[in-house]
Amino acid sequence: RTPLSFAEQANVVAVMVVAQAIQVVLFTAGLFAFFLALGVIAIPDDVTVVWSGEQTCAVGEPPCAGTWFGVHIPLPQTMVHTSLFVAVLSGLYFTVSTSVDPLYRQRFFEPLIADVAVSLAGRDAYLE
């Protein structure tokens, strides 16, 4: 068996990290959208104004429209910030819980490890 170079070792680790990161990002983005929708439906504008403490807006009346990477959106900025904060904390919790859960490891990581093992076996056969 030919030992892996540093770059190849990093590639194997990157496969595992990227697979986990994709799940975490999709989970967090879904929760962010859910919390935004929940905020729009459940929290009246009067409550949003009181919570944010906004007295005036550059355009229109409070609650002030927010921005997302420089793009104006028709949602209050405080709702965007709060939804993002709660979604990121939930994503962090998801990351930790999936890292220590044996059932998740059995159903997700073990098949991924098996795929990587097949790829490494193919590499070994090619290099012989």
Protein backbone atom coordinates (compact mmCIF):
# COMPACT_ATOMS: atom_id res chain seq x y z
CA ARG A 1 0.00 0.00 0.00
CA THR A 2 1.35 3.40 -1.01
CA PRO A 3 1.16 5.98 1.80
CA LEU A 4 -0.92 9.08 1.19
CA SER A 5 0.84 12.37 0.64
CA PHE A 6 -0.08 15.34 2.80
CA ALA A 7 -2.29 16.77 0.04
CA GLU A 8 -4.08 13.44 -0.35
CA GLN A 9 -4.63 13.19 3.40
CA ALA A 10 -6.03 16.72 3.38
CA ASN A 11 -8.31 15.73 0.50
CA VAL A 12 -9.71 12.76 2.44
CA VAL A 13 -10.38 14.99 5.45
CA ALA A 14 -11.90 17.66 3.19
CA VAL A 15 -14.40 15.15 1.81
CA MET A 16 -15.69 14.49 5.32
CA VAL A 17 -15.69 18.14 6.34
CA VAL A 18 -17.42 19.35 3.18
CA ALA A 19 -20.10 16.66 3.47
CA GLN A 20 -20.85 17.77 7.03
CA ALA A 21 -20.66 21.46 6.14
CA ILE A 22 -23.17 21.08 3.31
CA GLN A 23 -25.67 19.52 5.69
CA VAL A 24 -25.12 22.19 8.33
CA VAL A 25 -25.44 25.06 5.84
CA LEU A 26 -28.63 23.66 4.33
CA PHE A 27 -30.11 23.03 7.78
CA THR A 28 -29.20 26.53 8.97
CA ALA A 29 -30.52 28.21 5.80
CA GLY A 30 -33.78 26.30 6.09
CA LEU A 31 -34.18 27.35 9.71
CA PHE A 32 -33.36 30.95 8.82
CA ALA A 33 -36.12 30.98 6.19
CA PHE A 34 -38.50 29.31 8.63
CA PHE A 35 -37.80 31.85 11.39
CA LEU A 36 -38.21 34.74 8.94
CA ALA A 37 -41.56 33.39 7.79
CA LEU A 38 -42.64 32.75 11.36
CA GLY A 39 -41.64 36.28 12.34
CA VAL A 40 -43.57 37.83 9.46
CA ILE A 41 -46.66 35.78 10.28
CA ALA A 42 -46.60 35.84 14.08
CA ILE A 43 -45.11 39.21 15.07
CA PRO A 44 -47.15 42.34 14.30
CA ASP A 45 -45.35 45.45 13.04
CA ASP A 46 -46.24 47.35 16.23
CA VAL A 47 -44.39 44.79 18.34
CA THR A 48 -41.40 44.87 15.98
CA VAL A 49 -41.20 48.66 16.34
CA VAL A 50 -41.31 48.44 20.16
CA TRP A 51 -38.67 45.68 20.27
CA SER A 52 -36.33 47.45 17.87
CA GLY A 53 -36.72 50.90 19.39
CA GLU A 54 -36.79 52.49 15.92
CA GLN A 55 -38.24 55.98 15.92
CA THR A 56 -37.61 57.02 12.32
CA CYS A 57 -36.53 55.43 9.06
CA ALA A 58 -34.66 56.85 6.09
CA VAL A 59 -37.54 55.74 3.88
CA GLY A 60 -41.06 55.06 5.12
CA GLU A 61 -42.23 54.46 8.66
CA PRO A 62 -41.03 52.00 11.28
CA PRO A 63 -40.44 49.10 11.21
CA CYS A 64 -37.64 50.03 8.84
CA ALA A 65 -36.96 47.80 5.86
CA GLY A 66 -33.75 45.85 6.15
CA THR A 67 -30.82 45.17 3.88
CA TRP A 68 -29.16 41.87 3.00
CA PHE A 69 -25.65 42.29 1.58
CA GLY A 70 -26.58 45.76 0.35
CA VAL A 71 -29.89 44.70 -1.19
CA HIS A 72 -33.01 46.26 0.32
CA ILE A 73 -35.54 43.71 1.52
CA PRO A 74 -39.10 44.34 2.72
CA LEU A 75 -38.49 42.78 6.14
CA PRO A 76 -37.49 44.60 9.31
CA GLN A 77 -33.74 44.52 9.95
CA THR A 78 -34.27 43.40 13.54
CA MET A 79 -36.26 40.40 12.35
CA VAL A 80 -33.50 39.46 9.90
CA HIS A 81 -30.83 39.75 12.61
CA THR A 82 -32.84 37.79 15.17
CA SER A 83 -33.74 35.05 12.70
CA LEU A 84 -30.13 34.76 11.59
CA PHE A 85 -28.86 34.64 15.18
CA VAL A 86 -31.29 31.90 16.22
CA ALA A 87 -30.66 29.92 13.01
CA VAL A 88 -26.87 30.05 13.48
CA LEU A 89 -27.18 28.89 17.10
CA SER A 90 -29.43 26.06 15.94
CA GLY A 91 -26.90 25.17 13.24
CA LEU A 92 -24.16 25.04 15.87
CA TYR A 93 -26.31 22.75 18.00
CA PHE A 94 -27.00 20.57 14.95
CA THR A 95 -23.27 20.32 14.25
CA VAL A 96 -22.45 19.25 17.79
CA SER A 97 -25.35 16.82 18.08
CA THR A 98 -24.55 15.11 14.77
CA SER A 99 -20.90 14.82 15.75
CA VAL A 100 -21.65 12.83 18.89
CA ASP A 101 -24.77 10.89 17.84
CA PRO A 102 -23.92 7.23 17.16
CA LEU A 103 -27.04 6.64 15.03
CA TYR A 104 -26.21 9.60 12.79
CA ARG A 105 -22.64 8.36 12.50
CA GLN A 106 -23.88 4.89 11.53
CA ARG A 107 -26.27 6.20 8.87
CA PHE A 108 -24.21 9.03 7.41
CA PHE A 109 -20.50 8.78 8.18
CA GLU A 110 -20.02 5.03 7.88
CA PRO A 111 -21.33 4.91 4.27
CA LEU A 112 -19.20 7.96 3.47
CA ILE A 113 -16.15 6.29 5.01
CA ALA A 114 -16.92 3.16 2.97
CA ASP A 115 -17.02 5.27 -0.22
CA VAL A 116 -13.69 6.87 0.66
CA ALA A 117 -12.23 3.41 1.38
CA VAL A 118 -13.34 2.21 -2.07
CA SER A 119 -11.71 5.27 -3.64
CA LEU A 120 -8.49 4.63 -1.74
CA ALA A 121 -8.53 0.96 -2.79
CA GLY A 122 -8.89 2.08 -6.40
CA ARG A 123 -5.95 4.44 -5.90
CA ASP A 124 -3.84 1.61 -4.50
CA ALA A 125 -4.74 -0.67 -7.42
CA TYR A 126 -3.84 2.10 -9.87
CA LEU A 127 -0.47 2.79 -8.25
CA GLU A 128 0.61 -0.88 -8.16
